[in-house]
Amino acid sequence: MGLITVEGIRIFAYHGHLPEEAVLGGHFIVNVWLTTDTSQVEKTDDLNDTVDYVKIIEIVKEQMAIQAKMIEVPARKIVDAILSLDKVKKVKVEVEKVLPPIDAAFNKISVITEAEN
């Protein structure tokens, strides 16, 4: 088994409970960690024998483009879409909301969702 990570995917989207978030949008960072069997690709050096990183990024972009009030929604949709890929055994996704309109000092707000086959 191997762990593939695709981290720091920057997305502008319209997620948020507050009305202005649905209109103005905001910045998000998505991180993906997935487990797959890497034994075949280690021998063949062939993209068809592993999970395509580009496909992972496409899934993130597609799911983040669908507006939701809560970031738990796109996080779950990303997990489900990635888990449907043939070679993925386990996936964990973090959706981070960058600078949400909250009057407080904090480092980060994010949701982490995971699932496995």
PDB file of N, CA and C in Angstrom:
ATOM      1  N   MET A   1       0.834  -1.186   0.000  1.00  0.00           N
ATOM      2  CA  MET A   1       0.000   0.000   0.000  1.00  0.00           C
ATOM      3  C   MET A   1       0.873   1.242   0.000  1.00  0.00           C
ATOM      4  N   GLY A   2       0.346   2.278  -0.586  1.00  0.00           N
ATOM      5  CA  GLY A   2       1.050   3.549  -0.610  1.00  0.00           C
ATOM      6  C   GLY A   2       0.086   4.685  -0.311  1.00  0.00           C
ATOM      7  N   LEU A   3       0.634   5.772   0.160  1.00  0.00           N
ATOM      8  CA  LEU A   3      -0.149   6.972   0.451  1.00  0.00           C
ATOM      9  C   LEU A   3       0.185   8.024  -0.594  1.00  0.00           C
ATOM     10  N   ILE A   4      -0.835   8.492  -1.304  1.00  0.00           N
ATOM     11  CA  ILE A   4      -0.678   9.576  -2.274  1.00  0.00           C
ATOM     12  C   ILE A   4      -1.297  10.820  -1.651  1.00  0.00           C
ATOM     13  N   THR A   5      -0.579  11.935  -1.706  1.00  0.00           N
ATOM     14  CA  THR A   5      -1.109  13.191  -1.185  1.00  0.00           C
ATOM     15  C   THR A   5      -1.155  14.240  -2.288  1.00  0.00           C
ATOM     16  N   VAL A   6      -2.226  14.981  -2.307  1.00  0.00           N
ATOM     17  CA  VAL A   6      -2.352  16.153  -3.173  1.00  0.00           C
ATOM     18  C   VAL A   6      -2.793  17.271  -2.230  1.00  0.00           C
ATOM     19  N   GLU A   7      -1.863  18.149  -1.897  1.00  0.00           N
ATOM     20  CA  GLU A   7      -2.125  19.142  -0.858  1.00  0.00           C
ATOM     21  C   GLU A   7      -2.020  20.571  -1.392  1.00  0.00           C
ATOM     22  N   GLY A   8      -2.817  21.439  -0.790  1.00  0.00           N
ATOM     23  CA  GLY A   8      -2.746  22.856  -1.127  1.00  0.00           C
ATOM     24  C   GLY A   8      -3.458  23.236  -2.408  1.00  0.00           C
ATOM     25  N   ILE A   9      -4.514  22.499  -2.762  1.00  0.00           N
ATOM     26  CA  ILE A   9      -5.292  22.849  -3.960  1.00  0.00           C
ATOM     27  C   ILE A   9      -6.088  24.109  -3.622  1.00  0.00           C
ATOM     28  N   ARG A  10      -5.791  25.192  -4.309  1.00  0.00           N
ATOM     29  CA  ARG A  10      -6.433  26.476  -4.028  1.00  0.00           C
ATOM     30  C   ARG A  10      -7.648  26.669  -4.934  1.00  0.00           C
ATOM     31  N   ILE A  11      -8.769  26.963  -4.297  1.00  0.00           N
ATOM     32  CA  ILE A  11     -10.040  27.077  -5.011  1.00  0.00           C
ATOM     33  C   ILE A  11     -10.755  28.347  -4.555  1.00  0.00           C
ATOM     34  N   PHE A  12     -11.360  29.057  -5.497  1.00  0.00           N
ATOM     35  CA  PHE A  12     -12.277  30.143  -5.158  1.00  0.00           C
ATOM     36  C   PHE A  12     -13.680  29.593  -5.375  1.00  0.00           C
ATOM     37  N   ALA A  13     -14.527  29.683  -4.348  1.00  0.00           N
ATOM     38  CA  ALA A  13     -15.863  29.099  -4.451  1.00  0.00           C
ATOM     39  C   ALA A  13     -16.854  29.900  -3.607  1.00  0.00           C
ATOM     40  N   TYR A  14     -18.101  29.493  -3.674  1.00  0.00           N
ATOM     41  CA  TYR A  14     -19.189  30.219  -3.020  1.00  0.00           C
ATOM     42  C   TYR A  14     -19.857  29.368  -1.940  1.00  0.00           C
ATOM     43  N   HIS A  15     -19.089  28.977  -0.936  1.00  0.00           N
ATOM     44  CA  HIS A  15     -19.615  28.188   0.172  1.00  0.00           C
ATOM     45  C   HIS A  15     -19.697  29.062   1.410  1.00  0.00           C
ATOM     46  N   GLY A  16     -20.787  28.924   2.135  1.00  0.00           N
ATOM     47  CA  GLY A  16     -20.894  29.651   3.387  1.00  0.00           C
ATOM     48  C   GLY A  16     -22.329  29.833   3.818  1.00  0.00           C
ATOM     49  N   HIS A  17     -22.510  29.871   5.108  1.00  0.00           N
ATOM     50  CA  HIS A  17     -23.836  30.041   5.689  1.00  0.00           C
ATOM     51  C   HIS A  17     -24.309  31.496   5.596  1.00  0.00           C
ATOM     52  N   LEU A  18     -23.380  32.423   5.628  1.00  0.00           N
ATOM     53  CA  LEU A  18     -23.743  33.841   5.577  1.00  0.00           C
ATOM     54  C   LEU A  18     -24.094  34.256   4.151  1.00  0.00           C
ATOM     55  N   PRO A  19     -25.106  35.106   3.985  1.00  0.00           N
ATOM     56  CA  PRO A  19     -25.535  35.518   2.644  1.00  0.00           C
ATOM     57  C   PRO A  19     -24.407  36.127   1.804  1.00  0.00           C
ATOM     58  N   GLU A  20     -23.536  36.917   2.421  1.00  0.00           N
ATOM     59  CA  GLU A  20     -22.461  37.550   1.649  1.00  0.00           C
ATOM     60  C   GLU A  20     -21.466  36.529   1.091  1.00  0.00           C
ATOM     61  N   GLU A  21     -21.328  35.389   1.756  1.00  0.00           N
ATOM     62  CA  GLU A  21     -20.416  34.359   1.254  1.00  0.00           C
ATOM     63  C   GLU A  21     -20.933  33.756  -0.047  1.00  0.00           C
ATOM     64  N   ALA A  22     -22.251  33.645  -0.161  1.00  0.00           N
ATOM     65  CA  ALA A  22     -22.846  33.109  -1.383  1.00  0.00           C
ATOM     66  C   ALA A  22     -22.720  34.085  -2.548  1.00  0.00           C
ATOM     67  N   VAL A  23     -22.586  35.374  -2.241  1.00  0.00           N
ATOM     68  CA  VAL A  23     -22.480  36.401  -3.278  1.00  0.00           C
ATOM     69  C   VAL A  23     -21.023  36.734  -3.593  1.00  0.00           C
ATOM     70  N   LEU A  24     -20.234  36.970  -2.563  1.00  0.00           N
ATOM     71  CA  LEU A  24     -18.840  37.393  -2.747  1.00  0.00           C
ATOM     72  C   LEU A  24     -17.880  36.228  -2.950  1.00  0.00           C
ATOM     73  N   GLY A  25     -18.224  35.079  -2.422  1.00  0.00           N
ATOM     74  CA  GLY A  25     -17.334  33.921  -2.514  1.00  0.00           C
ATOM     75  C   GLY A  25     -16.175  34.033  -1.552  1.00  0.00           C
ATOM     76  N   GLY A  26     -15.314  33.040  -1.616  1.00  0.00           N
ATOM     77  CA  GLY A  26     -14.160  33.031  -0.736  1.00  0.00           C
ATOM     78  C   GLY A  26     -13.114  32.036  -1.201  1.00  0.00           C
ATOM     79  N   HIS A  27     -11.990  32.066  -0.535  1.00  0.00           N
ATOM     80  CA  HIS A  27     -10.880  31.180  -0.881  1.00  0.00           C
ATOM     81  C   HIS A  27     -10.893  29.950   0.021  1.00  0.00           C
ATOM     82  N   PHE A  28     -10.552  28.821  -0.585  1.00  0.00           N
ATOM     83  CA  PHE A  28     -10.510  27.547   0.116  1.00  0.00           C
ATOM     84  C   PHE A  28      -9.234  26.820  -0.268  1.00  0.00           C
ATOM     85  N   ILE A  29      -8.764  25.989   0.638  1.00  0.00           N
ATOM     86  CA  ILE A  29      -7.635  25.106   0.353  1.00  0.00           C
ATOM     87  C   ILE A  29      -8.109  23.688   0.622  1.00  0.00           C
ATOM     88  N   VAL A  30      -7.871  22.809  -0.336  1.00  0.00           N
ATOM     89  CA  VAL A  30      -8.284  21.413  -0.198  1.00  0.00           C
ATOM     90  C   VAL A  30      -7.047  20.527  -0.195  1.00  0.00           C
ATOM     91  N   ASN A  31      -7.010  19.615   0.766  1.00  0.00           N
ATOM     92  CA  ASN A  31      -5.937  18.629   0.874  1.00  0.00           C
ATOM     93  C   ASN A  31      -6.544  17.241   0.757  1.00  0.00           C
ATOM     94  N   VAL A  32      -5.877  16.377   0.010  1.00  0.00           N
ATOM     95  CA  VAL A  32      -6.366  15.017  -0.205  1.00  0.00           C
ATOM     96  C   VAL A  32      -5.260  14.031   0.137  1.00  0.00           C
ATOM     97  N   TRP A  33      -5.611  13.023   0.923  1.00  0.00           N
ATOM     98  CA  TRP A  33      -4.709  11.910   1.212  1.00  0.00           C
ATOM     99  C   TRP A  33      -5.455  10.646   0.830  1.00  0.00           C
ATOM    100  N   LEU A  34      -4.837   9.796   0.028  1.00  0.00           N
ATOM    101  CA  LEU A  34      -5.509   8.557  -0.343  1.00  0.00           C
ATOM    102  C   LEU A  34      -4.542   7.381  -0.291  1.00  0.00           C
ATOM    103  N   THR A  35      -5.100   6.230   0.022  1.00  0.00           N
ATOM    104  CA  THR A  35      -4.328   5.001   0.092  1.00  0.00           C
ATOM    105  C   THR A  35      -4.680   4.146  -1.111  1.00  0.00           C
ATOM    106  N   THR A  36      -3.649   3.596  -1.737  1.00  0.00           N
ATOM    107  CA  THR A  36      -3.829   2.741  -2.898  1.00  0.00           C
ATOM    108  C   THR A  36      -2.724   1.689  -2.926  1.00  0.00           C
ATOM    109  N   ASP A  37      -2.964   0.640  -3.658  1.00  0.00           N
ATOM    110  CA  ASP A  37      -1.945  -0.392  -3.831  1.00  0.00           C
ATOM    111  C   ASP A  37      -0.964   0.105  -4.893  1.00  0.00           C
ATOM    112  N   THR A  38       0.265   0.353  -4.494  1.00  0.00           N
ATOM    113  CA  THR A  38       1.271   0.892  -5.425  1.00  0.00           C
ATOM    114  C   THR A  38       2.207  -0.185  -5.974  1.00  0.00           C
ATOM    115  N   SER A  39       1.966  -1.444  -5.627  1.00  0.00           N
ATOM    116  CA  SER A  39       2.901  -2.505  -6.030  1.00  0.00           C
ATOM    117  C   SER A  39       3.008  -2.648  -7.549  1.00  0.00           C
ATOM    118  N   GLN A  40       1.904  -2.496  -8.267  1.00  0.00           N
ATOM    119  CA  GLN A  40       1.943  -2.656  -9.726  1.00  0.00           C
ATOM    120  C   GLN A  40       2.672  -1.493 -10.404  1.00  0.00           C
ATOM    121  N   VAL A  41       2.337  -0.265 -10.041  1.00  0.00           N
ATOM    122  CA  VAL A  41       2.974   0.895 -10.670  1.00  0.00           C
ATOM    123  C   VAL A  41       4.464   0.951 -10.345  1.00  0.00           C
ATOM    124  N   GLU A  42       4.850   0.420  -9.194  1.00  0.00           N
ATOM    125  CA  GLU A  42       6.271   0.376  -8.840  1.00  0.00           C
ATOM    126  C   GLU A  42       7.059  -0.499  -9.809  1.00  0.00           C
ATOM    127  N   LYS A  43       6.383  -1.467 -10.417  1.00  0.00           N
ATOM    128  CA  LYS A  43       7.024  -2.360 -11.392  1.00  0.00           C
ATOM    129  C   LYS A  43       6.925  -1.825 -12.815  1.00  0.00           C
ATOM    130  N   THR A  44       5.753  -1.247 -13.156  1.00  0.00           N
ATOM    131  CA  THR A  44       5.491  -0.878 -14.548  1.00  0.00           C
ATOM    132  C   THR A  44       5.831   0.561 -14.889  1.00  0.00           C
ATOM    133  N   ASP A  45       5.815   1.455 -13.893  1.00  0.00           N
ATOM    134  CA  ASP A  45       6.032   2.879 -14.133  1.00  0.00           C
ATOM    135  C   ASP A  45       5.002   3.429 -15.116  1.00  0.00           C
ATOM    136  N   ASP A  46       3.759   2.927 -15.022  1.00  0.00           N
ATOM    137  CA  ASP A  46       2.686   3.268 -15.952  1.00  0.00           C
ATOM    138  C   ASP A  46       1.547   3.952 -15.192  1.00  0.00           C
ATOM    139  N   LEU A  47       1.135   5.116 -15.666  1.00  0.00           N
ATOM    140  CA  LEU A  47       0.069   5.888 -15.029  1.00  0.00           C
ATOM    141  C   LEU A  47      -1.219   5.084 -14.877  1.00  0.00           C
ATOM    142  N   ASN A  48      -1.486   4.179 -15.799  1.00  0.00           N
ATOM    143  CA  ASN A  48      -2.705   3.372 -15.732  1.00  0.00           C
ATOM    144  C   ASN A  48      -2.732   2.434 -14.528  1.00  0.00           C
ATOM    145  N   ASP A  49      -1.601   2.246 -13.877  1.00  0.00           N
ATOM    146  CA  ASP A  49      -1.507   1.334 -12.737  1.00  0.00           C
ATOM    147  C   ASP A  49      -1.540   2.050 -11.389  1.00  0.00           C
ATOM    148  N   THR A  50      -1.942   3.309 -11.412  1.00  0.00           N
ATOM    149  CA  THR A  50      -2.031   4.074 -10.161  1.00  0.00           C
ATOM    150  C   THR A  50      -3.190   5.058 -10.247  1.00  0.00           C
ATOM    151  N   VAL A  51      -3.309   5.903  -9.264  1.00  0.00           N
ATOM    152  CA  VAL A  51      -4.337   6.943  -9.244  1.00  0.00           C
ATOM    153  C   VAL A  51      -3.739   8.204  -9.861  1.00  0.00           C
ATOM    154  N   ASP A  52      -4.420   8.747 -10.854  1.00  0.00           N
ATOM    155  CA  ASP A  52      -3.955   9.929 -11.579  1.00  0.00           C
ATOM    156  C   ASP A  52      -4.195  11.184 -10.732  1.00  0.00           C
ATOM    157  N   TYR A  53      -3.120  11.875 -10.383  1.00  0.00           N
ATOM    158  CA  TYR A  53      -3.217  13.093  -9.562  1.00  0.00           C
ATOM    159  C   TYR A  53      -4.074  14.156 -10.233  1.00  0.00           C
ATOM    160  N   VAL A  54      -3.985  14.245 -11.547  1.00  0.00           N
ATOM    161  CA  VAL A  54      -4.766  15.240 -12.287  1.00  0.00           C
ATOM    162  C   VAL A  54      -6.258  14.970 -12.112  1.00  0.00           C
ATOM    163  N   LYS A  55      -6.647  13.705 -12.124  1.00  0.00           N
ATOM    164  CA  LYS A  55      -8.054  13.341 -11.922  1.00  0.00           C
ATOM    165  C   LYS A  55      -8.525  13.761 -10.530  1.00  0.00           C
ATOM    166  N   ILE A  56      -7.658  13.617  -9.539  1.00  0.00           N
ATOM    167  CA  ILE A  56      -7.997  14.028  -8.174  1.00  0.00           C
ATOM    168  C   ILE A  56      -8.279  15.532  -8.140  1.00  0.00           C
ATOM    169  N   ILE A  57      -7.419  16.313  -8.776  1.00  0.00           N
ATOM    170  CA  ILE A  57      -7.598  17.772  -8.808  1.00  0.00           C
ATOM    171  C   ILE A  57      -8.872  18.142  -9.560  1.00  0.00           C
ATOM    172  N   GLU A  58      -9.166  17.448 -10.649  1.00  0.00           N
ATOM    173  CA  GLU A  58     -10.401  17.704 -11.397  1.00  0.00           C
ATOM    174  C   GLU A  58     -11.630  17.440 -10.530  1.00  0.00           C
ATOM    175  N   ILE A  59     -11.609  16.353  -9.783  1.00  0.00           N
ATOM    176  CA  ILE A  59     -12.727  16.034  -8.888  1.00  0.00           C
ATOM    177  C   ILE A  59     -12.907  17.142  -7.855  1.00  0.00           C
ATOM    178  N   VAL A  60     -11.820  17.588  -7.263  1.00  0.00           N
ATOM    179  CA  VAL A  60     -11.892  18.665  -6.268  1.00  0.00           C
ATOM    180  C   VAL A  60     -12.506  19.912  -6.890  1.00  0.00           C
ATOM    181  N   LYS A  61     -12.038  20.308  -8.058  1.00  0.00           N
ATOM    182  CA  LYS A  61     -12.574  21.503  -8.723  1.00  0.00           C
ATOM    183  C   LYS A  61     -14.063  21.361  -9.022  1.00  0.00           C
ATOM    184  N   GLU A  62     -14.456  20.202  -9.550  1.00  0.00           N
ATOM    185  CA  GLU A  62     -15.863  19.968  -9.896  1.00  0.00           C
ATOM    186  C   GLU A  62     -16.761  20.054  -8.666  1.00  0.00           C
ATOM    187  N   GLN A  63     -16.371  19.397  -7.607  1.00  0.00           N
ATOM    188  CA  GLN A  63     -17.215  19.357  -6.412  1.00  0.00           C
ATOM    189  C   GLN A  63     -17.230  20.692  -5.667  1.00  0.00           C
ATOM    190  N   MET A  64     -16.119  21.391  -5.661  1.00  0.00           N
ATOM    191  CA  MET A  64     -16.069  22.700  -4.996  1.00  0.00           C
ATOM    192  C   MET A  64     -16.859  23.754  -5.767  1.00  0.00           C
ATOM    193  N   ALA A  65     -17.131  23.520  -7.038  1.00  0.00           N
ATOM    194  CA  ALA A  65     -17.901  24.468  -7.849  1.00  0.00           C
ATOM    195  C   ALA A  65     -19.396  24.418  -7.538  1.00  0.00           C
ATOM    196  N   ILE A  66     -19.832  23.365  -6.840  1.00  0.00           N
ATOM    197  CA  ILE A  66     -21.248  23.228  -6.484  1.00  0.00           C
ATOM    198  C   ILE A  66     -21.471  23.931  -5.148  1.00  0.00           C
ATOM    199  N   GLN A  67     -22.250  24.989  -5.177  1.00  0.00           N
ATOM    200  CA  GLN A  67     -22.441  25.838  -3.996  1.00  0.00           C
ATOM    201  C   GLN A  67     -23.112  25.081  -2.846  1.00  0.00           C
ATOM    202  N   ALA A  68     -22.614  25.332  -1.630  1.00  0.00           N
ATOM    203  CA  ALA A  68     -23.194  24.748  -0.414  1.00  0.00           C
ATOM    204  C   ALA A  68     -23.040  25.746   0.731  1.00  0.00           C
ATOM    205  N   LYS A  69     -23.897  25.637   1.716  1.00  0.00           N
ATOM    206  CA  LYS A  69     -23.798  26.515   2.880  1.00  0.00           C
ATOM    207  C   LYS A  69     -22.709  26.057   3.842  1.00  0.00           C
ATOM    208  N   MET A  70     -22.528  24.754   3.940  1.00  0.00           N
ATOM    209  CA  MET A  70     -21.584  24.194   4.901  1.00  0.00           C
ATOM    210  C   MET A  70     -20.467  23.460   4.152  1.00  0.00           C
ATOM    211  N   ILE A  71     -19.222  23.632   4.590  1.00  0.00           N
ATOM    212  CA  ILE A  71     -18.099  23.003   3.880  1.00  0.00           C
ATOM    213  C   ILE A  71     -18.065  21.486   4.074  1.00  0.00           C
ATOM    214  N   GLU A  72     -18.859  20.977   4.995  1.00  0.00           N
ATOM    215  CA  GLU A  72     -18.974  19.527   5.134  1.00  0.00           C
ATOM    216  C   GLU A  72     -19.541  18.888   3.873  1.00  0.00           C
ATOM    217  N   VAL A  73     -20.387  19.623   3.162  1.00  0.00           N
ATOM    218  CA  VAL A  73     -21.036  19.088   1.960  1.00  0.00           C
ATOM    219  C   VAL A  73     -20.025  18.828   0.839  1.00  0.00           C
ATOM    220  N   PRO A  74     -19.241  19.826   0.399  1.00  0.00           N
ATOM    221  CA  PRO A  74     -18.260  19.506  -0.644  1.00  0.00           C
ATOM    222  C   PRO A  74     -17.198  18.512  -0.168  1.00  0.00           C
ATOM    223  N   ALA A  75     -16.851  18.546   1.114  1.00  0.00           N
ATOM    224  CA  ALA A  75     -15.870  17.580   1.625  1.00  0.00           C
ATOM    225  C   ALA A  75     -16.375  16.156   1.417  1.00  0.00           C
ATOM    226  N   ARG A  76     -17.627  15.899   1.769  1.00  0.00           N
ATOM    227  CA  ARG A  76     -18.210  14.564   1.596  1.00  0.00           C
ATOM    228  C   ARG A  76     -18.305  14.193   0.123  1.00  0.00           C
ATOM    229  N   LYS A  77     -18.712  15.138  -0.725  1.00  0.00           N
ATOM    230  CA  LYS A  77     -18.841  14.846  -2.159  1.00  0.00           C
ATOM    231  C   LYS A  77     -17.488  14.526  -2.785  1.00  0.00           C
ATOM    232  N   ILE A  78     -16.448  15.219  -2.362  1.00  0.00           N
ATOM    233  CA  ILE A  78     -15.095  14.936  -2.859  1.00  0.00           C
ATOM    234  C   ILE A  78     -14.669  13.540  -2.422  1.00  0.00           C
ATOM    235  N   VAL A  79     -14.882  13.220  -1.153  1.00  0.00           N
ATOM    236  CA  VAL A  79     -14.535  11.883  -0.646  1.00  0.00           C
ATOM    237  C   VAL A  79     -15.256  10.806  -1.447  1.00  0.00           C
ATOM    238  N   ASP A  80     -16.555  10.958  -1.631  1.00  0.00           N
ATOM    239  CA  ASP A  80     -17.336   9.947  -2.350  1.00  0.00           C
ATOM    240  C   ASP A  80     -16.870   9.784  -3.791  1.00  0.00           C
ATOM    241  N   ALA A  81     -16.582  10.896  -4.461  1.00  0.00           N
ATOM    242  CA  ALA A  81     -16.137  10.829  -5.861  1.00  0.00           C
ATOM    243  C   ALA A  81     -14.771  10.163  -5.979  1.00  0.00           C
ATOM    244  N   ILE A  82     -13.853  10.499  -5.087  1.00  0.00           N
ATOM    245  CA  ILE A  82     -12.516   9.895  -5.142  1.00  0.00           C
ATOM    246  C   ILE A  82     -12.587   8.419  -4.775  1.00  0.00           C
ATOM    247  N   LEU A  83     -13.401   8.084  -3.801  1.00  0.00           N
ATOM    248  CA  LEU A  83     -13.523   6.691  -3.374  1.00  0.00           C
ATOM    249  C   LEU A  83     -14.132   5.816  -4.467  1.00  0.00           C
ATOM    250  N   SER A  84     -14.851   6.423  -5.393  1.00  0.00           N
ATOM    251  CA  SER A  84     -15.440   5.648  -6.493  1.00  0.00           C
ATOM    252  C   SER A  84     -14.409   5.255  -7.552  1.00  0.00           C
ATOM    253  N   LEU A  85     -13.214   5.840  -7.500  1.00  0.00           N
ATOM    254  CA  LEU A  85     -12.159   5.464  -8.445  1.00  0.00           C
ATOM    255  C   LEU A  85     -11.670   4.051  -8.120  1.00  0.00           C
ATOM    256  N   ASP A  86     -11.371   3.282  -9.157  1.00  0.00           N
ATOM    257  CA  ASP A  86     -11.032   1.864  -9.014  1.00  0.00           C
ATOM    258  C   ASP A  86      -9.941   1.560  -7.999  1.00  0.00           C
ATOM    259  N   LYS A  87      -8.878   2.276  -8.019  1.00  0.00           N
ATOM    260  CA  LYS A  87      -7.695   1.894  -7.256  1.00  0.00           C
ATOM    261  C   LYS A  87      -7.619   2.501  -5.853  1.00  0.00           C
ATOM    262  N   VAL A  88      -8.595   3.307  -5.487  1.00  0.00           N
ATOM    263  CA  VAL A  88      -8.556   3.986  -4.184  1.00  0.00           C
ATOM    264  C   VAL A  88      -9.144   3.078  -3.104  1.00  0.00           C
ATOM    265  N   LYS A  89      -8.364   2.862  -2.051  1.00  0.00           N
ATOM    266  CA  LYS A  89      -8.804   2.031  -0.923  1.00  0.00           C
ATOM    267  C   LYS A  89      -9.365   2.882   0.215  1.00  0.00           C
ATOM    268  N   LYS A  90      -8.737   4.013   0.463  1.00  0.00           N
ATOM    269  CA  LYS A  90      -9.125   4.889   1.567  1.00  0.00           C
ATOM    270  C   LYS A  90      -8.819   6.321   1.150  1.00  0.00           C
ATOM    271  N   VAL A  91      -9.654   7.261   1.582  1.00  0.00           N
ATOM    272  CA  VAL A  91      -9.414   8.668   1.251  1.00  0.00           C
ATOM    273  C   VAL A  91      -9.791   9.550   2.439  1.00  0.00           C
ATOM    274  N   LYS A  92      -8.996  10.588   2.614  1.00  0.00           N
ATOM    275  CA  LYS A  92      -9.268  11.613   3.627  1.00  0.00           C
ATOM    276  C   LYS A  92      -9.135  12.964   2.930  1.00  0.00           C
ATOM    277  N   VAL A  93     -10.111  13.839   3.157  1.00  0.00           N
ATOM    278  CA  VAL A  93     -10.141  15.152   2.510  1.00  0.00           C
ATOM    279  C   VAL A  93     -10.324  16.225   3.576  1.00  0.00           C
ATOM    280  N   GLU A  94      -9.518  17.275   3.457  1.00  0.00           N
ATOM    281  CA  GLU A  94      -9.669  18.445   4.313  1.00  0.00           C
ATOM    282  C   GLU A  94     -10.050  19.631   3.437  1.00  0.00           C
ATOM    283  N   VAL A  95     -11.130  20.305   3.803  1.00  0.00           N
ATOM    284  CA  VAL A  95     -11.536  21.547   3.142  1.00  0.00           C
ATOM    285  C   VAL A  95     -11.350  22.663   4.160  1.00  0.00           C
ATOM    286  N   GLU A  96     -10.466  23.579   3.823  1.00  0.00           N
ATOM    287  CA  GLU A  96     -10.155  24.706   4.706  1.00  0.00           C
ATOM    288  C   GLU A  96     -10.750  25.986   4.134  1.00  0.00           C
ATOM    289  N   LYS A  97     -11.441  26.716   4.977  1.00  0.00           N
ATOM    290  CA  LYS A  97     -11.992  28.014   4.587  1.00  0.00           C
ATOM    291  C   LYS A  97     -10.979  29.074   5.001  1.00  0.00           C
ATOM    292  N   VAL A  98     -10.452  29.801   4.025  1.00  0.00           N
ATOM    293  CA  VAL A  98      -9.429  30.814   4.277  1.00  0.00           C
ATOM    294  C   VAL A  98     -10.101  32.146   4.605  1.00  0.00           C
ATOM    295  N   LEU A  99      -9.771  32.688   5.740  1.00  0.00           N
ATOM    296  CA  LEU A  99     -10.283  33.995   6.187  1.00  0.00           C
ATOM    297  C   LEU A  99     -11.802  34.127   6.083  1.00  0.00           C
ATOM    298  N   PRO A 100     -12.544  33.263   6.767  1.00  0.00           N
ATOM    299  CA  PRO A 100     -13.998  33.428   6.757  1.00  0.00           C
ATOM    300  C   PRO A 100     -14.392  34.709   7.494  1.00  0.00           C
ATOM    301  N   PRO A 101     -15.563  35.261   7.190  1.00  0.00           N
ATOM    302  CA  PRO A 101     -15.977  36.525   7.806  1.00  0.00           C
ATOM    303  C   PRO A 101     -16.445  36.335   9.252  1.00  0.00           C
ATOM    304  N   ILE A 102     -15.488  36.036  10.115  1.00  0.00           N
ATOM    305  CA  ILE A 102     -15.760  35.829  11.541  1.00  0.00           C
ATOM    306  C   ILE A 102     -14.895  36.820  12.316  1.00  0.00           C
ATOM    307  N   ASP A 103     -15.495  37.499  13.257  1.00  0.00           N
ATOM    308  CA  ASP A 103     -14.769  38.492  14.048  1.00  0.00           C
ATOM    309  C   ASP A 103     -14.035  37.803  15.195  1.00  0.00           C
ATOM    310  N   ALA A 104     -12.915  37.176  14.845  1.00  0.00           N
ATOM    311  CA  ALA A 104     -12.100  36.478  15.844  1.00  0.00           C
ATOM    312  C   ALA A 104     -10.726  36.204  15.246  1.00  0.00           C
ATOM    313  N   ALA A 105      -9.756  36.035  16.118  1.00  0.00           N
ATOM    314  CA  ALA A 105      -8.411  35.667  15.664  1.00  0.00           C
ATOM    315  C   ALA A 105      -8.270  34.151  15.767  1.00  0.00           C
ATOM    316  N   PHE A 106      -7.887  33.515  14.676  1.00  0.00           N
ATOM    317  CA  PHE A 106      -7.716  32.064  14.661  1.00  0.00           C
ATOM    318  C   PHE A 106      -6.780  31.690  13.524  1.00  0.00           C
ATOM    319  N   ASN A 107      -6.244  30.495  13.584  1.00  0.00           N
ATOM    320  CA  ASN A 107      -5.319  30.034  12.548  1.00  0.00           C
ATOM    321  C   ASN A 107      -6.037  29.454  11.346  1.00  0.00           C
ATOM    322  N   LYS A 108      -7.082  28.675  11.597  1.00  0.00           N
ATOM    323  CA  LYS A 108      -7.690  27.981  10.473  1.00  0.00           C
ATOM    324  C   LYS A 108      -9.019  27.378  10.885  1.00  0.00           C
ATOM    325  N   ILE A 109      -9.919  27.298   9.917  1.00  0.00           N
ATOM    326  CA  ILE A 109     -11.172  26.572  10.081  1.00  0.00           C
ATOM    327  C   ILE A 109     -11.229  25.561   8.950  1.00  0.00           C
ATOM    328  N   SER A 110     -11.407  24.300   9.310  1.00  0.00           N
ATOM    329  CA  SER A 110     -11.475  23.277   8.275  1.00  0.00           C
ATOM    330  C   SER A 110     -12.333  22.113   8.735  1.00  0.00           C
ATOM    331  N   VAL A 111     -12.700  21.293   7.761  1.00  0.00           N
ATOM    332  CA  VAL A 111     -13.439  20.062   7.998  1.00  0.00           C
ATOM    333  C   VAL A 111     -12.633  18.936   7.376  1.00  0.00           C
ATOM    334  N   ILE A 112     -12.503  17.840   8.096  1.00  0.00           N
ATOM    335  CA  ILE A 112     -11.826  16.658   7.563  1.00  0.00           C
ATOM    336  C   ILE A 112     -12.844  15.524   7.519  1.00  0.00           C
ATOM    337  N   THR A 113     -12.973  14.918   6.340  1.00  0.00           N
ATOM    338  CA  THR A 113     -13.900  13.810   6.127  1.00  0.00           C
ATOM    339  C   THR A 113     -13.121  12.657   5.520  1.00  0.00           C
ATOM    340  N   GLU A 114     -13.434  11.431   5.937  1.00  0.00           N
ATOM    341  CA  GLU A 114     -12.729  10.282   5.380  1.00  0.00           C
ATOM    342  C   GLU A 114     -13.654   9.086   5.247  1.00  0.00           C
ATOM    343  N   ALA A 115     -13.249   8.157   4.388  1.00  0.00           N
ATOM    344  CA  ALA A 115     -14.002   6.925   4.170  1.00  0.00           C
ATOM    345  C   ALA A 115     -13.072   5.909   3.517  1.00  0.00           C
ATOM    346  N   GLU A 116     -13.492   4.653   3.541  1.00  0.00           N
ATOM    347  CA  GLU A 116     -12.696   3.614   2.885  1.00  0.00           C
ATOM    348  C   GLU A 116     -13.601   2.563   2.270  1.00  0.00           C
ATOM    349  N   ASN A 117     -13.058   1.872   1.287  1.00  0.00           N
ATOM    350  CA  ASN A 117     -13.770   0.764   0.634  1.00  0.00           C
ATOM    351  C   ASN A 117     -13.560  -0.508   1.423  1.00  0.00           C
TER     352      ASN A 117
END
